[in-house]
Amino acid sequence: MNNLKDKPFALIGVNNFNEDPDNLKQVMTEENLNWRSFAHSAAIADQWNLPPTPAYYIIDHTGKIRHKWIGSPGEKAIDTALEHLIREAEDAEQRE
């Protein structure tokens, strides 16, 4: 997906390993990752019942987890899931 600006979704990273927040910030800067990411958040890990990392979740516009992968599903799988859910959210918005 090329341009997701102003699309109805949010991307959040939860790094559930003992990552120092300063190290995580450095990696995010070096890799040009521009989404919000949390370093070893026990509260989030407990609340979301997170498995070992890496794990990927896509949460829809209503806050429901719609996709979950343990290990990387690959860019195409993520893009396909996002495209479908974005269309779904935009359709719902138009009906309102």
N, C-alpha and C. Protein backbone atom coordinates (compact mmCIF):
# COMPACT_ATOMS: atom_id res chain seq x y z
N MET A 1 0.86 -1.17 0.00
CA MET A 1 0.00 0.00 0.00
C MET A 1 0.90 1.23 0.00
N ASN A 2 0.62 2.12 -0.87
CA ASN A 2 1.49 3.27 -0.99
C ASN A 2 1.08 4.44 -0.10
N ASN A 3 -0.15 4.90 -0.25
CA ASN A 3 -0.54 6.10 0.47
C ASN A 3 -1.72 5.80 1.38
N LEU A 4 -1.45 5.71 2.67
CA LEU A 4 -2.50 5.42 3.64
C LEU A 4 -2.88 6.64 4.46
N LYS A 5 -2.31 7.79 4.10
CA LYS A 5 -2.63 9.02 4.82
C LYS A 5 -4.13 9.27 4.73
N ASP A 6 -4.72 9.62 5.85
CA ASP A 6 -6.14 9.95 5.97
C ASP A 6 -7.06 8.74 5.78
N LYS A 7 -6.52 7.53 5.85
CA LYS A 7 -7.35 6.33 5.76
C LYS A 7 -7.79 5.95 7.17
N PRO A 8 -8.93 5.27 7.30
CA PRO A 8 -9.48 4.97 8.62
C PRO A 8 -8.86 3.74 9.28
N PHE A 9 -7.63 3.89 9.72
CA PHE A 9 -6.97 2.82 10.46
C PHE A 9 -5.80 3.40 11.24
N ALA A 10 -5.32 2.63 12.19
CA ALA A 10 -4.14 3.02 12.95
C ALA A 10 -3.21 1.82 13.04
N LEU A 11 -1.93 2.06 12.97
CA LEU A 11 -0.93 1.02 13.10
C LEU A 11 -0.21 1.25 14.42
N ILE A 12 -0.14 0.21 15.24
CA ILE A 12 0.49 0.31 16.56
C ILE A 12 1.47 -0.84 16.70
N GLY A 13 2.67 -0.56 17.18
CA GLY A 13 3.65 -1.61 17.45
C GLY A 13 3.77 -1.83 18.93
N VAL A 14 3.74 -3.10 19.34
CA VAL A 14 3.97 -3.46 20.74
C VAL A 14 5.13 -4.44 20.74
N ASN A 15 6.24 -4.01 21.26
CA ASN A 15 7.44 -4.83 21.28
C ASN A 15 7.50 -5.54 22.63
N ASN A 16 7.12 -6.79 22.61
CA ASN A 16 6.95 -7.54 23.84
C ASN A 16 8.20 -8.32 24.22
N PHE A 17 9.33 -7.72 24.01
CA PHE A 17 10.58 -8.30 24.47
C PHE A 17 11.27 -7.21 25.27
N ASN A 18 12.26 -7.54 25.99
CA ASN A 18 12.89 -6.57 26.89
C ASN A 18 13.71 -5.54 26.12
N GLU A 19 13.02 -4.78 25.33
CA GLU A 19 13.65 -3.74 24.51
C GLU A 19 13.69 -2.44 25.30
N ASP A 20 14.84 -1.86 25.39
CA ASP A 20 14.99 -0.56 26.01
C ASP A 20 14.29 0.49 25.15
N PRO A 21 13.46 1.35 25.73
CA PRO A 21 12.75 2.35 24.93
C PRO A 21 13.67 3.21 24.07
N ASP A 22 14.86 3.54 24.57
CA ASP A 22 15.79 4.35 23.77
C ASP A 22 16.30 3.57 22.56
N ASN A 23 16.57 2.27 22.74
CA ASN A 23 16.99 1.44 21.60
C ASN A 23 15.88 1.32 20.57
N LEU A 24 14.65 1.14 21.05
CA LEU A 24 13.51 1.05 20.13
C LEU A 24 13.37 2.33 19.33
N LYS A 25 13.50 3.46 20.00
CA LYS A 25 13.39 4.75 19.31
C LYS A 25 14.48 4.88 18.24
N GLN A 26 15.68 4.44 18.54
CA GLN A 26 16.78 4.50 17.58
C GLN A 26 16.48 3.62 16.36
N VAL A 27 16.01 2.40 16.60
CA VAL A 27 15.67 1.50 15.49
C VAL A 27 14.57 2.11 14.64
N MET A 28 13.55 2.65 15.29
CA MET A 28 12.44 3.25 14.53
C MET A 28 12.93 4.42 13.68
N THR A 29 13.84 5.20 14.21
CA THR A 29 14.40 6.32 13.44
C THR A 29 15.22 5.81 12.26
N GLU A 30 16.09 4.83 12.53
CA GLU A 30 16.94 4.28 11.46
C GLU A 30 16.11 3.61 10.36
N GLU A 31 15.03 2.93 10.74
CA GLU A 31 14.20 2.21 9.77
C GLU A 31 13.07 3.07 9.20
N ASN A 32 13.00 4.33 9.64
CA ASN A 32 11.98 5.27 9.20
C ASN A 32 10.57 4.72 9.47
N LEU A 33 10.37 4.14 10.65
CA LEU A 33 9.05 3.63 11.05
C LEU A 33 8.30 4.77 11.71
N ASN A 34 7.16 5.13 11.15
CA ASN A 34 6.47 6.33 11.63
C ASN A 34 5.17 6.04 12.35
N TRP A 35 4.98 4.81 12.86
CA TRP A 35 3.80 4.53 13.64
C TRP A 35 4.15 4.49 15.12
N ARG A 36 3.13 4.60 15.93
CA ARG A 36 3.33 4.56 17.37
C ARG A 36 3.74 3.15 17.79
N SER A 37 4.75 3.06 18.64
CA SER A 37 5.24 1.76 19.07
C SER A 37 5.59 1.82 20.56
N PHE A 38 5.27 0.76 21.25
CA PHE A 38 5.52 0.68 22.68
C PHE A 38 6.60 -0.35 22.96
N ALA A 39 7.52 -0.01 23.86
CA ALA A 39 8.59 -0.93 24.24
C ALA A 39 8.17 -1.69 25.49
N HIS A 40 8.15 -2.98 25.38
CA HIS A 40 7.85 -3.90 26.48
C HIS A 40 6.78 -3.36 27.42
N SER A 41 5.57 -3.31 26.92
CA SER A 41 4.45 -2.84 27.72
C SER A 41 3.72 -4.04 28.31
N ALA A 42 3.98 -4.32 29.57
CA ALA A 42 3.33 -5.45 30.23
C ALA A 42 1.82 -5.26 30.28
N ALA A 43 1.38 -4.02 30.45
CA ALA A 43 -0.07 -3.76 30.52
C ALA A 43 -0.75 -4.13 29.21
N ILE A 44 -0.17 -3.72 28.09
CA ILE A 44 -0.75 -4.06 26.79
C ILE A 44 -0.63 -5.55 26.54
N ALA A 45 0.52 -6.13 26.83
CA ALA A 45 0.73 -7.56 26.62
C ALA A 45 -0.29 -8.38 27.41
N ASP A 46 -0.56 -8.01 28.63
CA ASP A 46 -1.54 -8.73 29.45
C ASP A 46 -2.96 -8.53 28.92
N GLN A 47 -3.31 -7.29 28.64
CA GLN A 47 -4.67 -6.99 28.19
C GLN A 47 -4.97 -7.65 26.85
N TRP A 48 -4.02 -7.67 25.93
CA TRP A 48 -4.24 -8.23 24.60
C TRP A 48 -3.85 -9.71 24.53
N ASN A 49 -3.35 -10.26 25.65
CA ASN A 49 -2.92 -11.66 25.69
C ASN A 49 -1.95 -11.95 24.54
N LEU A 50 -0.91 -11.13 24.47
CA LEU A 50 0.04 -11.22 23.35
C LEU A 50 0.89 -12.49 23.42
N PRO A 51 1.05 -13.12 22.27
CA PRO A 51 1.95 -14.27 22.17
C PRO A 51 3.39 -13.78 21.99
N PRO A 52 4.33 -14.70 21.84
CA PRO A 52 5.70 -14.27 21.56
C PRO A 52 5.76 -13.43 20.28
N THR A 53 6.75 -12.57 20.20
CA THR A 53 6.89 -11.73 19.02
C THR A 53 7.74 -12.43 17.98
N PRO A 54 7.63 -12.13 16.71
CA PRO A 54 6.73 -11.09 16.20
C PRO A 54 5.30 -11.62 16.03
N ALA A 55 4.39 -10.77 16.34
CA ALA A 55 2.97 -11.04 16.11
C ALA A 55 2.38 -9.80 15.47
N TYR A 56 1.49 -9.99 14.54
CA TYR A 56 0.87 -8.88 13.82
C TYR A 56 -0.63 -8.94 14.00
N TYR A 57 -1.22 -7.80 14.30
CA TYR A 57 -2.67 -7.69 14.48
C TYR A 57 -3.16 -6.57 13.58
N ILE A 58 -4.31 -6.77 12.98
CA ILE A 58 -5.00 -5.67 12.30
C ILE A 58 -6.33 -5.50 13.01
N ILE A 59 -6.55 -4.30 13.51
CA ILE A 59 -7.75 -3.96 14.26
C ILE A 59 -8.59 -3.05 13.38
N ASP A 60 -9.87 -3.40 13.22
CA ASP A 60 -10.72 -2.64 12.30
C ASP A 60 -11.17 -1.31 12.91
N HIS A 61 -11.95 -0.57 12.13
CA HIS A 61 -12.38 0.77 12.54
C HIS A 61 -13.32 0.76 13.74
N THR A 62 -13.82 -0.41 14.12
CA THR A 62 -14.69 -0.51 15.30
C THR A 62 -13.92 -0.95 16.54
N GLY A 63 -12.61 -1.25 16.36
CA GLY A 63 -11.78 -1.68 17.47
C GLY A 63 -11.68 -3.19 17.64
N LYS A 64 -12.24 -3.94 16.69
CA LYS A 64 -12.22 -5.40 16.75
C LYS A 64 -10.97 -5.95 16.04
N ILE A 65 -10.31 -6.92 16.68
CA ILE A 65 -9.17 -7.58 16.03
C ILE A 65 -9.72 -8.44 14.89
N ARG A 66 -9.31 -8.14 13.67
CA ARG A 66 -9.81 -8.86 12.50
C ARG A 66 -8.79 -9.81 11.90
N HIS A 67 -7.51 -9.52 12.11
CA HIS A 67 -6.44 -10.39 11.61
C HIS A 67 -5.36 -10.48 12.66
N LYS A 68 -4.79 -11.69 12.78
CA LYS A 68 -3.71 -11.91 13.73
C LYS A 68 -2.77 -12.94 13.11
N TRP A 69 -1.49 -12.61 13.09
CA TRP A 69 -0.48 -13.53 12.58
C TRP A 69 0.62 -13.68 13.60
N ILE A 70 1.07 -14.88 13.82
CA ILE A 70 2.26 -15.13 14.62
C ILE A 70 3.39 -15.35 13.62
N GLY A 71 4.39 -14.50 13.66
CA GLY A 71 5.41 -14.50 12.62
C GLY A 71 4.93 -13.62 11.47
N SER A 72 5.83 -13.26 10.62
CA SER A 72 5.48 -12.35 9.53
C SER A 72 4.64 -13.04 8.46
N PRO A 73 3.46 -12.47 8.15
CA PRO A 73 2.62 -13.04 7.11
C PRO A 73 3.06 -12.61 5.71
N GLY A 74 3.93 -11.63 5.65
CA GLY A 74 4.38 -11.09 4.37
C GLY A 74 3.61 -9.84 4.01
N GLU A 75 4.26 -9.01 3.25
CA GLU A 75 3.70 -7.71 2.87
C GLU A 75 2.38 -7.84 2.13
N LYS A 76 2.29 -8.81 1.21
CA LYS A 76 1.08 -8.95 0.40
C LYS A 76 -0.13 -9.29 1.27
N ALA A 77 0.04 -10.18 2.23
CA ALA A 77 -1.08 -10.54 3.11
C ALA A 77 -1.55 -9.35 3.92
N ILE A 78 -0.61 -8.57 4.44
CA ILE A 78 -0.98 -7.39 5.22
C ILE A 78 -1.67 -6.36 4.33
N ASP A 79 -1.11 -6.09 3.16
CA ASP A 79 -1.72 -5.12 2.24
C ASP A 79 -3.13 -5.53 1.85
N THR A 80 -3.34 -6.80 1.54
CA THR A 80 -4.66 -7.30 1.15
C THR A 80 -5.66 -7.11 2.28
N ALA A 81 -5.25 -7.46 3.50
CA ALA A 81 -6.13 -7.31 4.66
C ALA A 81 -6.47 -5.84 4.89
N LEU A 82 -5.47 -4.96 4.80
CA LEU A 82 -5.70 -3.52 5.00
C LEU A 82 -6.63 -2.96 3.93
N GLU A 83 -6.40 -3.31 2.69
CA GLU A 83 -7.24 -2.81 1.60
C GLU A 83 -8.70 -3.18 1.83
N HIS A 84 -8.94 -4.43 2.21
CA HIS A 84 -10.30 -4.89 2.45
C HIS A 84 -10.95 -4.12 3.61
N LEU A 85 -10.24 -3.99 4.72
CA LEU A 85 -10.82 -3.33 5.88
C LEU A 85 -10.97 -1.83 5.68
N ILE A 86 -10.08 -1.23 4.93
CA ILE A 86 -10.21 0.21 4.64
C ILE A 86 -11.45 0.44 3.78
N ARG A 87 -11.65 -0.39 2.75
CA ARG A 87 -12.86 -0.27 1.93
C ARG A 87 -14.12 -0.43 2.79
N GLU A 88 -14.08 -1.41 3.68
CA GLU A 88 -15.20 -1.67 4.57
C GLU A 88 -15.48 -0.45 5.46
N ALA A 89 -14.44 0.16 6.02
CA ALA A 89 -14.60 1.33 6.88
C ALA A 89 -15.12 2.53 6.09
N GLU A 90 -14.57 2.72 4.89
CA GLU A 90 -15.03 3.85 4.06
C GLU A 90 -16.48 3.66 3.63
N ASP A 91 -16.89 2.43 3.32
CA ASP A 91 -18.29 2.15 2.97
C ASP A 91 -19.19 2.44 4.15
N ALA A 92 -18.78 2.04 5.34
CA ALA A 92 -19.58 2.29 6.54
C ALA A 92 -19.71 3.80 6.79
N GLU A 93 -18.62 4.51 6.57
CA GLU A 93 -18.63 5.97 6.76
C GLU A 93 -19.60 6.65 5.79
N GLN A 94 -19.65 6.17 4.56
CA GLN A 94 -20.55 6.76 3.55
C GLN A 94 -22.02 6.50 3.88
N ARG A 95 -22.29 5.35 4.52
CA ARG A 95 -23.67 5.02 4.88
C ARG A 95 -24.19 5.85 6.05
N GLU A 96 -23.28 6.43 6.82
CA GLU A 96 -23.69 7.22 8.00
C GLU A 96 -24.25 8.56 7.63
